[in-house]
Amino acid sequence: MTNQVDNWHKLARYDTNMQGELHANLLRNNGITVSLQALSAIPGMNSGIVLWVQDEDLAQAQDILSNIDTDTSGEVLLDNMSDADLGIISDTQVDQDSQGTQNSQDNPDSLDNQTDNGGNL
């Protein structure tokens, strides 16, 4: 038998396992020991997860989690990022596209300006 005291404290509960694991990794990257407790015994159920931390790490872990920006809805994030930021197209393609648009406006014989109402060349 050991005299070690159980100093684990419940830090947070998440509805999805992935969200909990991401936050646990953030805490681990900051040197905090984290224990995860799945809320379902069935693997793959994704029923949620609880994060537990040691007593000496509790205040620091709470500070880290409280500083996470939670206003990152998909629409807001997509509105503030360009296609290049999202990795959809490269910065080189953006430069080429902007030059191509300018050239087609300057040149009435370009392919962009040779379509009729039916969409044919």
C-alpha atoms as a PDB file:
ATOM      1  CA  MET A   1       0.000   0.000   0.000  1.00  0.00           C
ATOM      2  CA  THR A   2       1.176   3.520  -0.720  1.00  0.00           C
ATOM      3  CA  ASN A   3       0.867   6.775   1.191  1.00  0.00           C
ATOM      4  CA  GLN A   4       0.527   8.782  -2.029  1.00  0.00           C
ATOM      5  CA  VAL A   5      -2.397  11.208  -1.941  1.00  0.00           C
ATOM      6  CA  ASP A   6      -4.777  11.368  -4.890  1.00  0.00           C
ATOM      7  CA  ASN A   7      -4.418  14.994  -6.039  1.00  0.00           C
ATOM      8  CA  TRP A   8      -6.282  14.841  -9.361  1.00  0.00           C
ATOM      9  CA  HIS A   9      -8.872  17.530 -10.073  1.00  0.00           C
ATOM     10  CA  LYS A  10     -11.527  17.604 -12.757  1.00  0.00           C
ATOM     11  CA  LEU A  11     -10.547  20.416 -15.109  1.00  0.00           C
ATOM     12  CA  ALA A  12     -13.049  20.302 -17.963  1.00  0.00           C
ATOM     13  CA  ARG A  13     -15.613  18.181 -19.790  1.00  0.00           C
ATOM     14  CA  TYR A  14     -15.933  18.163 -23.587  1.00  0.00           C
ATOM     15  CA  ASP A  15     -18.779  16.868 -25.731  1.00  0.00           C
ATOM     16  CA  THR A  16     -16.456  15.311 -28.303  1.00  0.00           C
ATOM     17  CA  ASN A  17     -13.332  13.235 -27.784  1.00  0.00           C
ATOM     18  CA  MET A  18     -11.415  15.192 -30.422  1.00  0.00           C
ATOM     19  CA  GLN A  19     -12.048  18.520 -28.721  1.00  0.00           C
ATOM     20  CA  GLY A  20     -10.901  17.106 -25.386  1.00  0.00           C
ATOM     21  CA  GLU A  21      -7.802  15.520 -26.910  1.00  0.00           C
ATOM     22  CA  LEU A  22      -6.849  18.783 -28.621  1.00  0.00           C
ATOM     23  CA  HIS A  23      -7.092  20.690 -25.351  1.00  0.00           C
ATOM     24  CA  ALA A  24      -5.194  17.930 -23.524  1.00  0.00           C
ATOM     25  CA  ASN A  25      -2.378  18.167 -26.088  1.00  0.00           C
ATOM     26  CA  LEU A  26      -2.265  21.945 -25.643  1.00  0.00           C
ATOM     27  CA  LEU A  27      -1.834  21.462 -21.904  1.00  0.00           C
ATOM     28  CA  ARG A  28       0.801  18.756 -22.393  1.00  0.00           C
ATOM     29  CA  ASN A  29       2.724  21.056 -24.738  1.00  0.00           C
ATOM     30  CA  ASN A  30       2.845  23.505 -21.822  1.00  0.00           C
ATOM     31  CA  GLY A  31       4.318  20.886 -19.453  1.00  0.00           C
ATOM     32  CA  ILE A  32       1.094  19.919 -17.654  1.00  0.00           C
ATOM     33  CA  THR A  33       0.323  16.269 -16.905  1.00  0.00           C
ATOM     34  CA  VAL A  34      -3.201  15.487 -18.116  1.00  0.00           C
ATOM     35  CA  SER A  35      -5.310  12.385 -17.667  1.00  0.00           C
ATOM     36  CA  LEU A  36      -8.239  11.712 -20.005  1.00  0.00           C
ATOM     37  CA  GLN A  37     -11.413   9.900 -18.975  1.00  0.00           C
ATOM     38  CA  ALA A  38     -13.686   8.800 -21.808  1.00  0.00           C
ATOM     39  CA  LEU A  39     -17.392   9.059 -21.004  1.00  0.00           C
ATOM     40  CA  SER A  40     -18.179   5.817 -22.801  1.00  0.00           C
ATOM     41  CA  ALA A  41     -16.611   2.387 -22.417  1.00  0.00           C
ATOM     42  CA  ILE A  42     -17.428   1.580 -26.051  1.00  0.00           C
ATOM     43  CA  PRO A  43     -14.545   2.517 -28.372  1.00  0.00           C
ATOM     44  CA  GLY A  44     -15.475   4.984 -31.094  1.00  0.00           C
ATOM     45  CA  MET A  45     -18.646   6.254 -29.421  1.00  0.00           C
ATOM     46  CA  ASN A  46     -17.311   9.834 -29.253  1.00  0.00           C
ATOM     47  CA  SER A  47     -19.553  10.513 -26.270  1.00  0.00           C
ATOM     48  CA  GLY A  48     -17.261  13.047 -24.667  1.00  0.00           C
ATOM     49  CA  ILE A  49     -14.231  13.211 -22.449  1.00  0.00           C
ATOM     50  CA  VAL A  50     -13.166  14.651 -19.081  1.00  0.00           C
ATOM     51  CA  LEU A  51      -9.733  16.188 -18.449  1.00  0.00           C
ATOM     52  CA  TRP A  52      -8.085  15.683 -15.067  1.00  0.00           C
ATOM     53  CA  VAL A  53      -4.939  17.483 -13.836  1.00  0.00           C
ATOM     54  CA  GLN A  54      -2.749  17.350 -10.738  1.00  0.00           C
ATOM     55  CA  ASP A  55      -3.400  19.836  -7.924  1.00  0.00           C
ATOM     56  CA  GLU A  56      -0.159  21.765  -8.548  1.00  0.00           C
ATOM     57  CA  ASP A  57      -1.036  22.253 -12.247  1.00  0.00           C
ATOM     58  CA  LEU A  58      -4.695  23.198 -11.799  1.00  0.00           C
ATOM     59  CA  ALA A  59      -4.344  27.013 -11.783  1.00  0.00           C
ATOM     60  CA  GLN A  60      -1.981  27.077 -14.773  1.00  0.00           C
ATOM     61  CA  ALA A  61      -4.214  24.698 -16.745  1.00  0.00           C
ATOM     62  CA  GLN A  62      -7.290  26.824 -16.015  1.00  0.00           C
ATOM     63  CA  ASP A  63      -5.431  29.939 -17.213  1.00  0.00           C
ATOM     64  CA  ILE A  64      -4.374  28.244 -20.459  1.00  0.00           C
ATOM     65  CA  LEU A  65      -7.868  26.979 -21.241  1.00  0.00           C
ATOM     66  CA  SER A  66      -9.481  30.317 -20.362  1.00  0.00           C
ATOM     67  CA  ASN A  67      -7.262  32.073 -22.936  1.00  0.00           C
ATOM     68  CA  ILE A  68      -8.433  29.933 -25.855  1.00  0.00           C
ATOM     69  CA  ASP A  69     -10.388  31.929 -28.440  1.00  0.00           C
ATOM     70  CA  THR A  70     -13.774  30.227 -28.636  1.00  0.00           C
ATOM     71  CA  ASP A  71     -15.233  32.572 -31.271  1.00  0.00           C
ATOM     72  CA  THR A  72     -13.922  30.579 -34.215  1.00  0.00           C
ATOM     73  CA  SER A  73     -17.058  29.551 -36.006  1.00  0.00           C
ATOM     74  CA  GLY A  74     -16.402  28.251 -39.487  1.00  0.00           C
ATOM     75  CA  GLU A  75     -18.042  31.198 -41.237  1.00  0.00           C
ATOM     76  CA  VAL A  76     -16.078  33.833 -39.313  1.00  0.00           C
ATOM     77  CA  LEU A  77     -12.838  31.960 -39.879  1.00  0.00           C
ATOM     78  CA  LEU A  78     -13.454  31.491 -43.600  1.00  0.00           C
ATOM     79  CA  ASP A  79     -14.492  35.129 -44.057  1.00  0.00           C
ATOM     80  CA  ASN A  80     -11.208  36.308 -42.569  1.00  0.00           C
ATOM     81  CA  MET A  81      -8.935  34.000 -44.558  1.00  0.00           C
ATOM     82  CA  SER A  82      -7.980  34.043 -48.220  1.00  0.00           C
ATOM     83  CA  ASP A  83      -7.827  30.963 -50.454  1.00  0.00           C
ATOM     84  CA  ALA A  84      -4.030  31.056 -50.161  1.00  0.00           C
ATOM     85  CA  ASP A  85      -4.296  31.063 -46.330  1.00  0.00           C
ATOM     86  CA  LEU A  86      -6.552  28.023 -46.484  1.00  0.00           C
ATOM     87  CA  GLY A  87      -4.148  26.247 -48.844  1.00  0.00           C
ATOM     88  CA  ILE A  88      -6.685  26.101 -51.662  1.00  0.00           C
ATOM     89  CA  ILE A  89      -4.396  27.989 -54.039  1.00  0.00           C
ATOM     90  CA  SER A  90      -0.825  29.151 -53.666  1.00  0.00           C
ATOM     91  CA  ASP A  91       0.342  32.760 -53.492  1.00  0.00           C
ATOM     92  CA  THR A  92       1.887  32.277 -56.956  1.00  0.00           C
ATOM     93  CA  GLN A  93      -1.514  31.342 -58.386  1.00  0.00           C
ATOM     94  CA  VAL A  94      -3.061  34.403 -56.745  1.00  0.00           C
ATOM     95  CA  ASP A  95      -0.457  36.621 -58.444  1.00  0.00           C
ATOM     96  CA  GLN A  96      -1.003  34.886 -61.793  1.00  0.00           C
ATOM     97  CA  ASP A  97      -4.781  35.130 -61.504  1.00  0.00           C
ATOM     98  CA  SER A  98      -4.656  38.843 -60.753  1.00  0.00           C
ATOM     99  CA  GLN A  99      -2.342  39.410 -63.733  1.00  0.00           C
ATOM    100  CA  GLY A 100      -4.533  37.256 -65.992  1.00  0.00           C
ATOM    101  CA  THR A 101      -7.648  39.212 -65.063  1.00  0.00           C
ATOM    102  CA  GLN A 102      -5.912  42.483 -65.761  1.00  0.00           C
ATOM    103  CA  ASN A 103      -4.576  41.245 -69.111  1.00  0.00           C
ATOM    104  CA  SER A 104      -7.967  39.965 -70.286  1.00  0.00           C
ATOM    105  CA  GLN A 105      -9.557  43.339 -69.539  1.00  0.00           C
ATOM    106  CA  ASP A 106      -6.827  45.164 -71.457  1.00  0.00           C
ATOM    107  CA  ASN A 107      -6.953  42.794 -74.441  1.00  0.00           C
ATOM    108  CA  PRO A 108     -10.387  42.454 -76.127  1.00  0.00           C
ATOM    109  CA  ASP A 109      -9.064  39.507 -78.211  1.00  0.00           C
ATOM    110  CA  SER A 110      -8.226  37.363 -75.152  1.00  0.00           C
ATOM    111  CA  LEU A 111     -10.081  34.060 -74.714  1.00  0.00           C
ATOM    112  CA  ASP A 112     -11.991  35.473 -71.747  1.00  0.00           C
ATOM    113  CA  ASN A 113     -13.594  38.063 -74.031  1.00  0.00           C
ATOM    114  CA  GLN A 114     -14.377  35.764 -76.988  1.00  0.00           C
ATOM    115  CA  THR A 115     -17.395  33.875 -75.664  1.00  0.00           C
ATOM    116  CA  ASP A 116     -20.855  34.553 -77.047  1.00  0.00           C
ATOM    117  CA  ASN A 117     -24.104  34.297 -75.091  1.00  0.00           C
ATOM    118  CA  GLY A 118     -24.190  30.524 -75.610  1.00  0.00           C
ATOM    119  CA  GLY A 119     -20.814  30.086 -73.936  1.00  0.00           C
ATOM    120  CA  ASN A 120     -19.108  29.070 -77.179  1.00  0.00           C
ATOM    121  CA  LEU A 121     -15.906  30.496 -78.617  1.00  0.00           C
END
